[in-house]
Amino acid sequence: MPSMLRAIISWAIVLWTCYIFLASLPYKFTKHPDTQHIFGTIGEWMSNTIAQPLGELFAAFGSYVVGSFELITSLVLLAPALLWLIKRLSGNATTGIRPRWHAFGGLMASAVMAGAAFFHLFTPLGIEVLHEGQSDGGSLFYAAVSILVLGVVLFLINIGAARQTL
């Protein structure tokens, strides 16, 4: 794949991923009622199937942990733009940094969304989240699956170029 096409596809995936991750942070970090419902439902399931203390911890702190990981992942995915700008302003040429960051960030995004997809599919949360009579129409699940798949794509299209620059 030509490097320019790889870069364009990578940045499109990064922008979608960061949009989803960063837009959800206010909900996760402020314990919005929808977030409490999601993490509470999963926490209750964990309490009943794995261990009660683990479920209680997940219900209480899961949104902070997941939100923090999504924030870190977004920073990793956006790092090449910042590094390019810093190097550009300092007059240094920059080569080969984007594929490494995007390959690693793609793995990170896929990992967190694999967890989200698992919880949607195998817990009472379900594909379509219902809360207070309202349905999300499956939008959270579909966003998670899209980032899971696109994170793998991001990794695969960048890992070869990343290895060449090591």
N, C-alpha and C. Protein backbone atom coordinates (compact mmCIF):
# COMPACT_ATOMS: atom_id res chain seq x y z
N MET A 1 0.86 -1.17 0.00
CA MET A 1 0.00 0.00 0.00
C MET A 1 0.90 1.23 0.00
N PRO A 2 0.62 2.19 -0.88
CA PRO A 2 1.42 3.42 -0.90
C PRO A 2 1.34 4.15 0.45
N SER A 3 2.44 4.75 0.85
CA SER A 3 2.52 5.36 2.17
C SER A 3 1.51 6.51 2.35
N MET A 4 1.22 7.26 1.30
CA MET A 4 0.26 8.36 1.42
C MET A 4 -1.15 7.80 1.66
N LEU A 5 -1.52 6.74 0.96
CA LEU A 5 -2.82 6.12 1.17
C LEU A 5 -2.91 5.52 2.57
N ARG A 6 -1.83 4.89 3.02
CA ARG A 6 -1.78 4.34 4.38
C ARG A 6 -1.99 5.45 5.41
N ALA A 7 -1.34 6.58 5.20
CA ALA A 7 -1.47 7.70 6.13
C ALA A 7 -2.89 8.26 6.14
N ILE A 8 -3.50 8.39 4.98
CA ILE A 8 -4.86 8.94 4.91
C ILE A 8 -5.85 8.01 5.61
N ILE A 9 -5.75 6.72 5.34
CA ILE A 9 -6.64 5.75 5.98
C ILE A 9 -6.40 5.75 7.49
N SER A 10 -5.13 5.79 7.89
CA SER A 10 -4.79 5.79 9.31
C SER A 10 -5.39 6.99 10.02
N TRP A 11 -5.22 8.17 9.45
CA TRP A 11 -5.75 9.37 10.11
C TRP A 11 -7.27 9.37 10.15
N ALA A 12 -7.92 8.80 9.13
CA ALA A 12 -9.39 8.70 9.17
C ALA A 12 -9.83 7.80 10.33
N ILE A 13 -9.14 6.68 10.50
CA ILE A 13 -9.45 5.76 11.60
C ILE A 13 -9.17 6.43 12.93
N VAL A 14 -8.05 7.12 13.03
CA VAL A 14 -7.68 7.82 14.28
C VAL A 14 -8.73 8.87 14.63
N LEU A 15 -9.17 9.64 13.67
CA LEU A 15 -10.15 10.69 13.96
C LEU A 15 -11.47 10.09 14.45
N TRP A 16 -11.93 9.01 13.83
CA TRP A 16 -13.16 8.35 14.28
C TRP A 16 -12.98 7.81 15.71
N THR A 17 -11.89 7.11 15.94
CA THR A 17 -11.64 6.51 17.24
C THR A 17 -11.56 7.58 18.33
N CYS A 18 -10.80 8.62 18.08
CA CYS A 18 -10.65 9.69 19.08
C CYS A 18 -11.96 10.43 19.29
N TYR A 19 -12.74 10.59 18.25
CA TYR A 19 -14.05 11.24 18.40
C TYR A 19 -14.91 10.44 19.37
N ILE A 20 -15.00 9.14 19.16
CA ILE A 20 -15.81 8.29 20.03
C ILE A 20 -15.26 8.28 21.45
N PHE A 21 -13.96 8.06 21.59
CA PHE A 21 -13.35 7.99 22.93
C PHE A 21 -13.46 9.30 23.68
N LEU A 22 -13.08 10.39 23.05
CA LEU A 22 -13.04 11.68 23.75
C LEU A 22 -14.44 12.23 24.03
N ALA A 23 -15.39 11.96 23.13
CA ALA A 23 -16.76 12.44 23.36
C ALA A 23 -17.42 11.72 24.53
N SER A 24 -16.96 10.51 24.85
CA SER A 24 -17.58 9.76 25.95
C SER A 24 -16.97 10.09 27.31
N LEU A 25 -15.84 10.76 27.34
CA LEU A 25 -15.16 11.03 28.61
C LEU A 25 -16.01 11.82 29.61
N PRO A 26 -16.71 12.87 29.19
CA PRO A 26 -17.53 13.58 30.19
C PRO A 26 -18.57 12.67 30.85
N TYR A 27 -19.09 11.73 30.12
CA TYR A 27 -20.06 10.79 30.69
C TYR A 27 -19.38 9.85 31.69
N LYS A 28 -18.21 9.36 31.31
CA LYS A 28 -17.51 8.40 32.18
C LYS A 28 -16.96 9.07 33.43
N PHE A 29 -16.39 10.24 33.29
CA PHE A 29 -15.73 10.88 34.43
C PHE A 29 -16.68 11.61 35.37
N THR A 30 -17.92 11.87 34.94
CA THR A 30 -18.89 12.54 35.82
C THR A 30 -19.94 11.58 36.34
N LYS A 31 -19.78 10.30 36.02
CA LYS A 31 -20.73 9.27 36.47
C LYS A 31 -22.16 9.62 36.03
N HIS A 32 -22.31 9.99 34.78
CA HIS A 32 -23.61 10.27 34.19
C HIS A 32 -24.54 9.07 34.45
N PRO A 33 -25.85 9.31 34.62
CA PRO A 33 -26.76 8.18 34.90
C PRO A 33 -26.68 7.05 33.87
N ASP A 34 -26.48 7.38 32.59
CA ASP A 34 -26.34 6.32 31.59
C ASP A 34 -25.08 5.49 31.86
N THR A 35 -24.01 6.17 32.23
CA THR A 35 -22.76 5.47 32.55
C THR A 35 -22.93 4.61 33.80
N GLN A 36 -23.61 5.15 34.80
CA GLN A 36 -23.86 4.36 36.00
C GLN A 36 -24.67 3.12 35.68
N HIS A 37 -25.64 3.26 34.81
CA HIS A 37 -26.45 2.10 34.41
C HIS A 37 -25.57 1.04 33.73
N ILE A 38 -24.75 1.47 32.78
CA ILE A 38 -23.91 0.53 32.02
C ILE A 38 -22.93 -0.19 32.94
N PHE A 39 -22.15 0.57 33.68
CA PHE A 39 -21.13 -0.06 34.53
C PHE A 39 -21.76 -0.76 35.73
N GLY A 40 -22.93 -0.28 36.19
CA GLY A 40 -23.64 -0.95 37.27
C GLY A 40 -24.19 -2.29 36.82
N THR A 41 -24.74 -2.35 35.60
CA THR A 41 -25.25 -3.61 35.06
C THR A 41 -24.14 -4.64 34.92
N ILE A 42 -23.00 -4.20 34.39
CA ILE A 42 -21.87 -5.11 34.23
C ILE A 42 -21.32 -5.50 35.61
N GLY A 43 -21.24 -4.54 36.52
CA GLY A 43 -20.76 -4.83 37.87
C GLY A 43 -21.63 -5.84 38.59
N GLU A 44 -22.94 -5.71 38.43
CA GLU A 44 -23.86 -6.67 39.05
C GLU A 44 -23.66 -8.06 38.46
N TRP A 45 -23.50 -8.13 37.13
CA TRP A 45 -23.24 -9.41 36.47
C TRP A 45 -21.93 -10.01 36.99
N MET A 46 -20.88 -9.19 37.11
CA MET A 46 -19.59 -9.68 37.62
C MET A 46 -19.74 -10.19 39.05
N SER A 47 -20.52 -9.47 39.85
CA SER A 47 -20.73 -9.89 41.25
C SER A 47 -21.37 -11.26 41.32
N ASN A 48 -22.30 -11.52 40.41
CA ASN A 48 -23.03 -12.78 40.42
C ASN A 48 -22.31 -13.93 39.73
N THR A 49 -21.38 -13.63 38.82
CA THR A 49 -20.74 -14.69 38.05
C THR A 49 -19.26 -14.89 38.36
N ILE A 50 -18.58 -13.85 38.82
CA ILE A 50 -17.14 -13.95 39.08
C ILE A 50 -16.85 -13.81 40.57
N ALA A 51 -17.00 -12.59 41.07
CA ALA A 51 -16.76 -12.34 42.50
C ALA A 51 -17.41 -11.02 42.88
N GLN A 52 -18.11 -11.03 43.99
CA GLN A 52 -18.84 -9.84 44.41
C GLN A 52 -17.92 -8.62 44.58
N PRO A 53 -16.76 -8.75 45.23
CA PRO A 53 -15.91 -7.56 45.38
C PRO A 53 -15.44 -6.99 44.03
N LEU A 54 -15.17 -7.87 43.08
CA LEU A 54 -14.75 -7.41 41.76
C LEU A 54 -15.88 -6.64 41.08
N GLY A 55 -17.09 -7.18 41.17
CA GLY A 55 -18.24 -6.50 40.58
C GLY A 55 -18.51 -5.15 41.20
N GLU A 56 -18.36 -5.07 42.52
CA GLU A 56 -18.57 -3.79 43.21
C GLU A 56 -17.51 -2.77 42.80
N LEU A 57 -16.26 -3.23 42.68
CA LEU A 57 -15.19 -2.33 42.24
C LEU A 57 -15.45 -1.84 40.82
N PHE A 58 -15.87 -2.76 39.94
CA PHE A 58 -16.13 -2.38 38.56
C PHE A 58 -17.26 -1.37 38.48
N ALA A 59 -18.32 -1.61 39.22
CA ALA A 59 -19.45 -0.68 39.21
C ALA A 59 -19.03 0.71 39.71
N ALA A 60 -18.17 0.74 40.71
CA ALA A 60 -17.76 2.01 41.32
C ALA A 60 -16.69 2.74 40.51
N PHE A 61 -15.72 1.98 39.94
CA PHE A 61 -14.55 2.62 39.34
C PHE A 61 -14.31 2.27 37.89
N GLY A 62 -15.11 1.37 37.32
CA GLY A 62 -14.90 0.93 35.95
C GLY A 62 -14.91 2.06 34.94
N SER A 63 -15.83 3.00 35.11
CA SER A 63 -15.91 4.10 34.14
C SER A 63 -14.65 4.95 34.17
N TYR A 64 -14.06 5.13 35.35
CA TYR A 64 -12.82 5.91 35.45
C TYR A 64 -11.66 5.17 34.80
N VAL A 65 -11.58 3.87 35.01
CA VAL A 65 -10.49 3.07 34.45
C VAL A 65 -10.61 3.02 32.93
N VAL A 66 -11.80 2.70 32.44
CA VAL A 66 -12.01 2.62 30.99
C VAL A 66 -11.81 3.99 30.35
N GLY A 67 -12.38 5.03 30.96
CA GLY A 67 -12.21 6.38 30.42
C GLY A 67 -10.75 6.81 30.39
N SER A 68 -10.00 6.46 31.42
CA SER A 68 -8.57 6.81 31.45
C SER A 68 -7.81 6.08 30.35
N PHE A 69 -8.13 4.80 30.14
CA PHE A 69 -7.47 4.04 29.07
C PHE A 69 -7.83 4.61 27.70
N GLU A 70 -9.09 5.02 27.52
CA GLU A 70 -9.49 5.63 26.26
C GLU A 70 -8.80 6.96 26.04
N LEU A 71 -8.61 7.74 27.09
CA LEU A 71 -7.88 9.00 26.99
C LEU A 71 -6.42 8.75 26.60
N ILE A 72 -5.78 7.81 27.26
CA ILE A 72 -4.38 7.48 26.94
C ILE A 72 -4.27 6.98 25.51
N THR A 73 -5.21 6.14 25.10
CA THR A 73 -5.20 5.63 23.72
C THR A 73 -5.34 6.78 22.73
N SER A 74 -6.22 7.72 23.00
CA SER A 74 -6.39 8.88 22.12
C SER A 74 -5.10 9.69 22.03
N LEU A 75 -4.44 9.87 23.16
CA LEU A 75 -3.16 10.61 23.16
C LEU A 75 -2.10 9.88 22.34
N VAL A 76 -2.05 8.56 22.45
CA VAL A 76 -1.11 7.77 21.64
C VAL A 76 -1.42 7.93 20.16
N LEU A 77 -2.70 7.86 19.81
CA LEU A 77 -3.10 7.97 18.41
C LEU A 77 -2.84 9.36 17.83
N LEU A 78 -2.97 10.38 18.67
CA LEU A 78 -2.75 11.76 18.20
C LEU A 78 -1.30 12.22 18.34
N ALA A 79 -0.48 11.46 19.03
CA ALA A 79 0.92 11.84 19.27
C ALA A 79 1.70 12.16 18.00
N PRO A 80 1.54 11.42 16.90
CA PRO A 80 2.32 11.77 15.71
C PRO A 80 2.09 13.19 15.22
N ALA A 81 0.87 13.69 15.35
CA ALA A 81 0.60 15.07 14.91
C ALA A 81 1.36 16.07 15.77
N LEU A 82 1.34 15.84 17.07
CA LEU A 82 2.06 16.74 17.98
C LEU A 82 3.57 16.64 17.77
N LEU A 83 4.08 15.44 17.63
CA LEU A 83 5.51 15.26 17.41
C LEU A 83 5.96 15.87 16.08
N TRP A 84 5.12 15.74 15.06
CA TRP A 84 5.42 16.35 13.77
C TRP A 84 5.50 17.87 13.91
N LEU A 85 4.53 18.44 14.62
CA LEU A 85 4.50 19.90 14.81
C LEU A 85 5.74 20.37 15.57
N ILE A 86 6.09 19.68 16.64
CA ILE A 86 7.27 20.07 17.43
C ILE A 86 8.54 19.99 16.57
N LYS A 87 8.68 18.91 15.84
CA LYS A 87 9.88 18.76 15.00
C LYS A 87 9.88 19.78 13.87
N ARG A 88 8.73 20.07 13.34
CA ARG A 88 8.63 21.05 12.25
C ARG A 88 9.03 22.43 12.74
N LEU A 89 8.54 22.80 13.93
CA LEU A 89 8.87 24.11 14.49
C LEU A 89 10.35 24.22 14.87
N SER A 90 10.95 23.09 15.22
CA SER A 90 12.37 23.12 15.59
C SER A 90 13.28 22.98 14.38
N GLY A 91 12.70 22.78 13.19
CA GLY A 91 13.49 22.69 11.98
C GLY A 91 14.05 21.31 11.68
N ASN A 92 13.69 20.33 12.47
CA ASN A 92 14.16 18.97 12.23
C ASN A 92 13.20 18.23 11.31
N ALA A 93 13.77 17.36 10.49
CA ALA A 93 12.93 16.51 9.65
C ALA A 93 12.38 15.37 10.50
N THR A 94 11.22 14.92 10.16
CA THR A 94 10.62 13.82 10.89
C THR A 94 10.23 12.71 9.91
N THR A 95 10.64 11.50 10.21
CA THR A 95 10.30 10.37 9.35
C THR A 95 9.98 9.16 10.20
N GLY A 96 8.99 8.43 9.77
CA GLY A 96 8.73 7.13 10.34
C GLY A 96 8.08 7.07 11.71
N ILE A 97 7.65 8.17 12.27
CA ILE A 97 7.08 8.08 13.62
C ILE A 97 5.61 7.69 13.61
N ARG A 98 4.85 8.12 12.60
CA ARG A 98 3.42 7.88 12.58
C ARG A 98 3.06 6.40 12.58
N PRO A 99 3.66 5.57 11.73
CA PRO A 99 3.25 4.16 11.72
C PRO A 99 3.45 3.45 13.05
N ARG A 100 4.51 3.77 13.77
CA ARG A 100 4.74 3.11 15.07
C ARG A 100 3.66 3.48 16.07
N TRP A 101 3.35 4.75 16.17
CA TRP A 101 2.33 5.21 17.12
C TRP A 101 0.96 4.67 16.73
N HIS A 102 0.65 4.68 15.45
CA HIS A 102 -0.66 4.22 15.01
C HIS A 102 -0.82 2.71 15.12
N ALA A 103 0.25 1.96 14.89
CA ALA A 103 0.17 0.50 15.07
C ALA A 103 -0.11 0.19 16.54
N PHE A 104 0.64 0.80 17.43
CA PHE A 104 0.45 0.56 18.87
C PHE A 104 -0.92 1.06 19.34
N GLY A 105 -1.31 2.25 18.91
CA GLY A 105 -2.62 2.80 19.28
C GLY A 105 -3.77 1.97 18.75
N GLY A 106 -3.60 1.39 17.57
CA GLY A 106 -4.63 0.51 17.02
C GLY A 106 -4.84 -0.71 17.90
N LEU A 107 -3.74 -1.27 18.40
CA LEU A 107 -3.86 -2.40 19.33
C LEU A 107 -4.55 -1.99 20.62
N MET A 108 -4.19 -0.83 21.13
CA MET A 108 -4.82 -0.34 22.36
C MET A 108 -6.33 -0.15 22.17
N ALA A 109 -6.71 0.50 21.06
CA ALA A 109 -8.13 0.75 20.80
C ALA A 109 -8.89 -0.57 20.65
N SER A 110 -8.30 -1.52 19.94
CA SER A 110 -8.95 -2.82 19.77
C SER A 110 -9.11 -3.55 21.09
N ALA A 111 -8.11 -3.45 21.94
CA ALA A 111 -8.17 -4.14 23.23
C ALA A 111 -9.33 -3.63 24.08
N VAL A 112 -9.44 -2.32 24.22
CA VAL A 112 -10.51 -1.78 25.07
C VAL A 112 -11.89 -2.04 24.45
N MET A 113 -11.99 -2.01 23.14
CA MET A 113 -13.28 -2.26 22.51
C MET A 113 -13.62 -3.74 22.43
N ALA A 114 -12.62 -4.62 22.50
CA ALA A 114 -12.92 -6.05 22.62
C ALA A 114 -13.62 -6.30 23.95
N GLY A 115 -13.18 -5.61 24.99
CA GLY A 115 -13.85 -5.72 26.28
C GLY A 115 -15.27 -5.19 26.21
N ALA A 116 -15.45 -4.06 25.56
CA ALA A 116 -16.79 -3.48 25.43
C ALA A 116 -17.71 -4.43 24.66
N ALA A 117 -17.23 -4.97 23.54
CA ALA A 117 -18.05 -5.90 22.75
C ALA A 117 -18.40 -7.14 23.57
N PHE A 118 -17.43 -7.65 24.32
CA PHE A 118 -17.70 -8.81 25.18
C PHE A 118 -18.84 -8.51 26.15
N PHE A 119 -18.76 -7.39 26.84
CA PHE A 119 -19.77 -7.06 27.84
C PHE A 119 -21.15 -6.84 27.20
N HIS A 120 -21.18 -6.29 25.99
CA HIS A 120 -22.46 -6.13 25.30
C HIS A 120 -23.06 -7.49 24.93
N LEU A 121 -22.21 -8.41 24.50
CA LEU A 121 -22.69 -9.70 23.99
C LEU A 121 -22.98 -10.73 25.08
N PHE A 122 -22.23 -10.70 26.17
CA PHE A 122 -22.28 -11.81 27.12
C PHE A 122 -22.76 -11.44 28.52
N THR A 123 -23.29 -10.24 28.68
CA THR A 123 -23.85 -9.83 29.97
C THR A 123 -25.26 -9.31 29.73
N PRO A 124 -26.00 -9.05 30.78
CA PRO A 124 -27.36 -8.51 30.62
C PRO A 124 -27.39 -7.12 29.96
N LEU A 125 -26.24 -6.48 29.77
CA LEU A 125 -26.22 -5.16 29.12
C LEU A 125 -26.86 -5.25 27.74
N GLY A 126 -26.48 -6.24 26.97
CA GLY A 126 -27.06 -6.47 25.66
C GLY A 126 -26.53 -5.55 24.58
N ILE A 127 -26.87 -5.89 23.35
CA ILE A 127 -26.45 -5.08 22.20
C ILE A 127 -27.15 -3.73 22.22
N GLU A 128 -28.43 -3.75 22.53
CA GLU A 128 -29.22 -2.52 22.62
C GLU A 128 -29.39 -2.17 24.09
N VAL A 129 -28.74 -1.10 24.51
CA VAL A 129 -28.78 -0.71 25.92
C VAL A 129 -30.09 0.00 26.20
N LEU A 130 -30.82 -0.54 27.17
CA LEU A 130 -32.09 0.05 27.59
C LEU A 130 -31.91 0.66 28.97
N HIS A 131 -32.30 1.94 29.10
CA HIS A 131 -32.19 2.62 30.38
C HIS A 131 -33.34 3.60 30.51
N GLU A 132 -34.11 3.46 31.58
CA GLU A 132 -35.25 4.33 31.85
C GLU A 132 -36.19 4.41 30.64
N GLY A 133 -36.47 3.26 30.05
CA GLY A 133 -37.39 3.20 28.93
C GLY A 133 -36.84 3.69 27.61
N GLN A 134 -35.58 4.10 27.60
CA GLN A 134 -34.96 4.61 26.37
C GLN A 134 -33.96 3.57 25.84
N SER A 135 -33.89 3.48 24.53
CA SER A 135 -32.95 2.57 23.88
C SER A 135 -31.90 3.37 23.12
N ASP A 136 -30.69 2.86 23.13
CA ASP A 136 -29.65 3.52 22.34
C ASP A 136 -29.64 2.98 20.91
N GLY A 137 -30.54 2.03 20.60
CA GLY A 137 -30.61 1.48 19.26
C GLY A 137 -29.38 0.66 18.88
N GLY A 138 -28.57 0.32 19.87
CA GLY A 138 -27.36 -0.45 19.60
C GLY A 138 -26.16 0.40 19.22
N SER A 139 -26.30 1.72 19.32
CA SER A 139 -25.23 2.61 18.85
C SER A 139 -23.91 2.40 19.62
N LEU A 140 -23.98 2.17 20.92
CA LEU A 140 -22.74 1.93 21.68
C LEU A 140 -22.05 0.65 21.23
N PHE A 141 -22.83 -0.39 21.02
CA PHE A 141 -22.27 -1.67 20.57
C PHE A 141 -21.65 -1.52 19.18
N TYR A 142 -22.36 -0.89 18.26
CA TYR A 142 -21.85 -0.75 16.89
C TYR A 142 -20.60 0.14 16.85
N ALA A 143 -20.56 1.17 17.67
CA ALA A 143 -19.35 2.00 17.74
C ALA A 143 -18.18 1.19 18.28
N ALA A 144 -18.44 0.36 19.30
CA ALA A 144 -17.38 -0.47 19.87
C ALA A 144 -16.85 -1.47 18.84
N VAL A 145 -17.75 -2.12 18.12
CA VAL A 145 -17.33 -3.09 17.11
C VAL A 145 -16.57 -2.40 15.98
N SER A 146 -17.03 -1.21 15.58
CA SER A 146 -16.32 -0.50 14.51
C SER A 146 -14.89 -0.17 14.93
N ILE A 147 -14.70 0.25 16.17
CA ILE A 147 -13.35 0.59 16.63
C ILE A 147 -12.53 -0.67 16.86
N LEU A 148 -13.15 -1.74 17.30
CA LEU A 148 -12.45 -3.02 17.43
C LEU A 148 -11.88 -3.43 16.07
N VAL A 149 -12.69 -3.43 15.05
CA VAL A 149 -12.26 -3.83 13.70
C VAL A 149 -11.26 -2.81 13.12
N LEU A 150 -11.59 -1.53 13.23
CA LEU A 150 -10.71 -0.51 12.66
C LEU A 150 -9.37 -0.42 13.39
N GLY A 151 -9.36 -0.72 14.68
CA GLY A 151 -8.09 -0.76 15.41
C GLY A 151 -7.18 -1.86 14.88
N VAL A 152 -7.76 -3.01 14.56
CA VAL A 152 -6.98 -4.09 13.96
C VAL A 152 -6.47 -3.66 12.58
N VAL A 153 -7.34 -3.03 11.79
CA VAL A 153 -6.93 -2.53 10.48
C VAL A 153 -5.80 -1.52 10.64
N LEU A 154 -5.92 -0.61 11.58
CA LEU A 154 -4.88 0.39 11.83
C LEU A 154 -3.55 -0.27 12.15
N PHE A 155 -3.60 -1.29 13.00
CA PHE A 155 -2.38 -2.02 13.33
C PHE A 155 -1.80 -2.69 12.09
N LEU A 156 -2.63 -3.41 11.35
CA LEU A 156 -2.14 -4.19 10.21
C LEU A 156 -1.55 -3.33 9.09
N ILE A 157 -2.17 -2.18 8.82
CA ILE A 157 -1.64 -1.36 7.72
C ILE A 157 -0.40 -0.57 8.13
N ASN A 158 -0.12 -0.50 9.43
CA ASN A 158 1.04 0.28 9.89
C ASN A 158 2.20 -0.56 10.42
N ILE A 159 1.97 -1.80 10.80
CA ILE A 159 3.03 -2.57 11.46
C ILE A 159 4.22 -2.80 10.53
N GLY A 160 3.98 -3.04 9.25
CA GLY A 160 5.09 -3.25 8.32
C GLY A 160 5.96 -2.01 8.21
N ALA A 161 5.35 -0.86 8.05
CA ALA A 161 6.10 0.41 7.96
C ALA A 161 6.78 0.71 9.28
N ALA A 162 6.14 0.37 10.39
CA ALA A 162 6.74 0.61 11.70
C ALA A 162 8.00 -0.24 11.88
N ARG A 163 7.97 -1.48 11.43
CA ARG A 163 9.13 -2.36 11.54
C ARG A 163 10.29 -1.86 10.70
N GLN A 164 10.00 -1.29 9.54
CA GLN A 164 11.05 -0.79 8.65
C GLN A 164 11.82 0.37 9.23
N THR A 165 11.19 1.12 10.14
CA THR A 165 11.84 2.31 10.71
C THR A 165 12.58 2.01 12.00
N LEU A 166 12.53 0.78 12.47
CA LEU A 166 13.23 0.43 13.72
C LEU A 166 14.70 0.27 13.49
